[in-house]
C-alpha atoms as a PDB file:
ATOM      1  CA  MET A   1       0.000   0.000   0.000  1.00  0.00           C
ATOM      2  CA  THR A   2       2.872   2.409   0.688  1.00  0.00           C
ATOM      3  CA  GLU A   3       4.172   1.711  -2.819  1.00  0.00           C
ATOM      4  CA  GLU A   4       0.856   2.864  -4.279  1.00  0.00           C
ATOM      5  CA  LEU A   5       1.184   6.186  -2.477  1.00  0.00           C
ATOM      6  CA  GLY A   6       4.824   6.615  -3.434  1.00  0.00           C
ATOM      7  CA  VAL A   7       5.954   6.548   0.192  1.00  0.00           C
ATOM      8  CA  GLU A   8       8.906   4.507   1.358  1.00  0.00           C
ATOM      9  CA  SER A   9       8.474   2.682   4.628  1.00  0.00           C
ATOM     10  CA  GLU A  10      11.158   2.977   7.275  1.00  0.00           C
ATOM     11  CA  ALA A  11      12.031   0.544  10.024  1.00  0.00           C
ATOM     12  CA  VAL A  12      11.063   1.763  13.466  1.00  0.00           C
ATOM     13  CA  GLU A  13      13.756   1.370  16.103  1.00  0.00           C
ATOM     14  CA  SER A  14      12.725  -0.359  19.317  1.00  0.00           C
ATOM     15  CA  PRO A  15      13.913   0.998  22.692  1.00  0.00           C
ATOM     16  CA  CYS A  16      14.403  -2.619  23.823  1.00  0.00           C
ATOM     17  CA  VAL A  17      17.319  -4.782  22.723  1.00  0.00           C
ATOM     18  CA  ASP A  18      16.186  -8.314  21.958  1.00  0.00           C
ATOM     19  CA  ALA A  19      18.220 -11.514  22.195  1.00  0.00           C
ATOM     20  CA  GLU A  20      19.181 -11.474  18.523  1.00  0.00           C
ATOM     21  CA  ASN A  21      20.675  -7.972  18.781  1.00  0.00           C
ATOM     22  CA  VAL A  22      22.364  -8.679  22.123  1.00  0.00           C
ATOM     23  CA  GLY A  23      23.826 -11.833  20.581  1.00  0.00           C
ATOM     24  CA  GLY A  24      25.066  -9.754  17.663  1.00  0.00           C
ATOM     25  CA  VAL A  25      26.841  -7.412  20.050  1.00  0.00           C
ATOM     26  CA  ARG A  26      28.369 -10.390  21.831  1.00  0.00           C
ATOM     27  CA  ALA A  27      29.449 -11.891  18.485  1.00  0.00           C
ATOM     28  CA  GLU A  28      31.227  -8.676  17.542  1.00  0.00           C
ATOM     29  CA  SER A  29      32.872  -8.247  20.942  1.00  0.00           C
ATOM     30  CA  ARG A  30      33.456 -11.656  22.437  1.00  0.00           C
ATOM     31  CA  ASP A  31      34.793 -10.227  25.688  1.00  0.00           C
ATOM     32  CA  ILE A  32      31.489  -8.509  26.588  1.00  0.00           C
ATOM     33  CA  VAL A  33      29.861 -10.472  29.394  1.00  0.00           C
ATOM     34  CA  PHE A  34      26.602 -10.455  31.285  1.00  0.00           C
ATOM     35  CA  MET A  35      26.807 -11.803  34.819  1.00  0.00           C
ATOM     36  CA  MET A  36      24.669 -11.804  37.954  1.00  0.00           C
ATOM     37  CA  ALA A  37      25.300 -12.234  41.663  1.00  0.00           C
ATOM     38  CA  ALA A  38      22.986 -12.404  44.646  1.00  0.00           C
ATOM     39  CA  CYS A  39      23.523  -9.566  47.080  1.00  0.00           C
ATOM     40  CA  GLN A  40      22.637  -8.837  50.673  1.00  0.00           C
ATOM     41  CA  ASP A  41      23.260  -5.094  50.403  1.00  0.00           C
ATOM     42  CA  PRO A  42      22.103  -3.590  47.070  1.00  0.00           C
ATOM     43  CA  THR A  43      24.418  -0.602  47.564  1.00  0.00           C
ATOM     44  CA  GLN A  44      27.600  -2.735  47.572  1.00  0.00           C
ATOM     45  CA  ARG A  45      29.231  -4.619  44.714  1.00  0.00           C
ATOM     46  CA  PRO A  46      29.737  -8.338  45.382  1.00  0.00           C
ATOM     47  CA  ASP A  47      33.168  -9.892  44.788  1.00  0.00           C
ATOM     48  CA  LEU A  48      33.793 -10.861  41.175  1.00  0.00           C
ATOM     49  CA  ALA A  49      34.075 -14.515  42.289  1.00  0.00           C
ATOM     50  CA  ASP A  50      30.393 -14.391  43.372  1.00  0.00           C
ATOM     51  CA  PHE A  51      29.149 -13.673  39.846  1.00  0.00           C
ATOM     52  CA  VAL A  52      27.934 -16.319  37.402  1.00  0.00           C
ATOM     53  CA  GLN A  53      27.635 -15.800  33.669  1.00  0.00           C
ATOM     54  CA  VAL A  54      24.127 -15.521  32.207  1.00  0.00           C
ATOM     55  CA  GLU A  55      22.759 -15.373  28.676  1.00  0.00           C
ATOM     56  CA  PRO A  56      20.821 -12.137  28.045  1.00  0.00           C
ATOM     57  CA  ARG A  57      17.411 -12.318  26.385  1.00  0.00           C
ATOM     58  CA  ASN A  58      16.073  -8.749  26.543  1.00  0.00           C
ATOM     59  CA  LEU A  59      17.586  -5.517  27.762  1.00  0.00           C
ATOM     60  CA  SER A  60      15.919  -2.128  28.142  1.00  0.00           C
ATOM     61  CA  ALA A  61      16.583   1.012  30.154  1.00  0.00           C
ATOM     62  CA  THR A  62      14.565  -0.316  33.108  1.00  0.00           C
ATOM     63  CA  SER A  63      14.671  -4.112  32.842  1.00  0.00           C
ATOM     64  CA  ILE A  64      16.618  -7.167  31.785  1.00  0.00           C
ATOM     65  CA  SER A  65      15.749 -10.797  31.263  1.00  0.00           C
ATOM     66  CA  PHE A  66      18.268 -13.591  30.952  1.00  0.00           C
ATOM     67  CA  TYR A  67      18.707 -17.352  30.958  1.00  0.00           C
ATOM     68  CA  CYS A  68      20.704 -19.030  33.706  1.00  0.00           C
ATOM     69  CA  ASP A  69      21.368 -22.611  34.815  1.00  0.00           C
ATOM     70  CA  ASP A  70      20.244 -22.092  38.427  1.00  0.00           C
ATOM     71  CA  ALA A  71      17.459 -19.976  39.890  1.00  0.00           C
ATOM     72  CA  PRO A  72      18.580 -16.905  41.858  1.00  0.00           C
ATOM     73  CA  VAL A  73      18.681 -17.561  45.606  1.00  0.00           C
ATOM     74  CA  THR A  74      17.458 -14.049  46.517  1.00  0.00           C
ATOM     75  CA  ASP A  75      15.225 -11.389  44.979  1.00  0.00           C
ATOM     76  CA  SER A  76      18.018  -8.813  45.129  1.00  0.00           C
ATOM     77  CA  LEU A  77      20.750  -9.102  42.470  1.00  0.00           C
ATOM     78  CA  VAL A  78      23.639  -7.198  41.015  1.00  0.00           C
ATOM     79  CA  VAL A  79      23.976  -7.469  37.233  1.00  0.00           C
ATOM     80  CA  LEU A  80      27.376  -6.878  35.638  1.00  0.00           C
ATOM     81  CA  MET A  81      27.498  -5.858  31.968  1.00  0.00           C
ATOM     82  CA  GLY A  82      30.488  -5.077  29.821  1.00  0.00           C
ATOM     83  CA  LYS A  83      34.137  -5.968  29.428  1.00  0.00           C
ATOM     84  CA  LEU A  84      35.832  -7.375  32.500  1.00  0.00           C
ATOM     85  CA  ASP A  85      39.226  -5.926  31.567  1.00  0.00           C
ATOM     86  CA  ALA A  86      37.734  -2.447  31.120  1.00  0.00           C
ATOM     87  CA  ASP A  87      35.236  -0.745  33.407  1.00  0.00           C
ATOM     88  CA  PRO A  88      32.088  -2.931  33.494  1.00  0.00           C
ATOM     89  CA  ILE A  89      28.716  -1.545  34.527  1.00  0.00           C
ATOM     90  CA  TYR A  90      27.217  -2.787  37.800  1.00  0.00           C
ATOM     91  CA  VAL A  91      23.458  -2.390  38.213  1.00  0.00           C
ATOM     92  CA  SER A  92      21.279  -3.391  41.158  1.00  0.00           C
ATOM     93  CA  ALA A  93      18.150  -5.331  40.207  1.00  0.00           C
ATOM     94  CA  VAL A  94      15.067  -6.915  41.738  1.00  0.00           C
ATOM     95  CA  VAL A  95      13.804 -10.254  40.419  1.00  0.00           C
ATOM     96  CA  THR A  96      10.260  -9.875  39.067  1.00  0.00           C
ATOM     97  CA  SER A  97       9.860 -13.338  37.537  1.00  0.00           C
ATOM     98  CA  CYS A  98      11.651 -16.672  37.396  1.00  0.00           C
ATOM     99  CA  ASN A  99      10.366 -19.464  35.160  1.00  0.00           C
ATOM    100  CA  GLU A 100      11.850 -22.910  34.766  1.00  0.00           C
ATOM    101  CA  GLY A 101      11.688 -24.446  31.293  1.00  0.00           C
ATOM    102  CA  PHE A 102      13.557 -25.883  28.338  1.00  0.00           C
ATOM    103  CA  TRP A 103      15.383 -23.445  26.078  1.00  0.00           C
ATOM    104  CA  ASP A 104      17.839 -24.593  23.425  1.00  0.00           C
ATOM    105  CA  ARG A 105      17.143 -28.197  24.494  1.00  0.00           C
ATOM    106  CA  LYS A 106      18.444 -27.519  27.974  1.00  0.00           C
ATOM    107  CA  ARG A 107      16.643 -27.078  31.315  1.00  0.00           C
ATOM    108  CA  ARG A 108      17.239 -23.491  32.420  1.00  0.00           C
ATOM    109  CA  TYR A 109      15.583 -20.577  34.171  1.00  0.00           C
ATOM    110  CA  LEU A 110      14.307 -17.442  32.471  1.00  0.00           C
ATOM    111  CA  VAL A 111      14.749 -14.619  34.983  1.00  0.00           C
ATOM    112  CA  GLY A 112      13.162 -11.191  34.603  1.00  0.00           C
ATOM    113  CA  CYS A 113      14.473  -8.240  36.626  1.00  0.00           C
ATOM    114  CA  GLU A 114      13.680  -4.594  37.172  1.00  0.00           C
ATOM    115  CA  LEU A 115      16.863  -2.514  37.139  1.00  0.00           C
ATOM    116  CA  THR A 116      16.863  -0.237  40.187  1.00  0.00           C
ATOM    117  CA  GLY A 117      20.110   1.711  39.962  1.00  0.00           C
ATOM    118  CA  ARG A 118      23.709   1.815  38.897  1.00  0.00           C
ATOM    119  CA  LEU A 119      26.346   0.975  41.492  1.00  0.00           C
END
């Protein structure tokens, strides 16, 4: 229909980054990681040894969802994003959902979080 009117359609950019785009970023920069750690005090960064790597699914300005092998043990998390050898971003988060299921033929958890602030 837009061709009939002589108007070219343009792709609309989404404010949310989906798994395909996040994967593309990771493919271009293999040293970018997404990790999470349970925390007792959301104002303090946990030790790097406390973090486990996760596979991002969706990322927006206020939320993130990711796949992980084990369910989070608390509702309060710290999410690390970026390059470990540079200056990664640490963000406090609250778990809003956690669903067990099979993704990529593997039993995992899909965890949804609200991002509450940068540490």
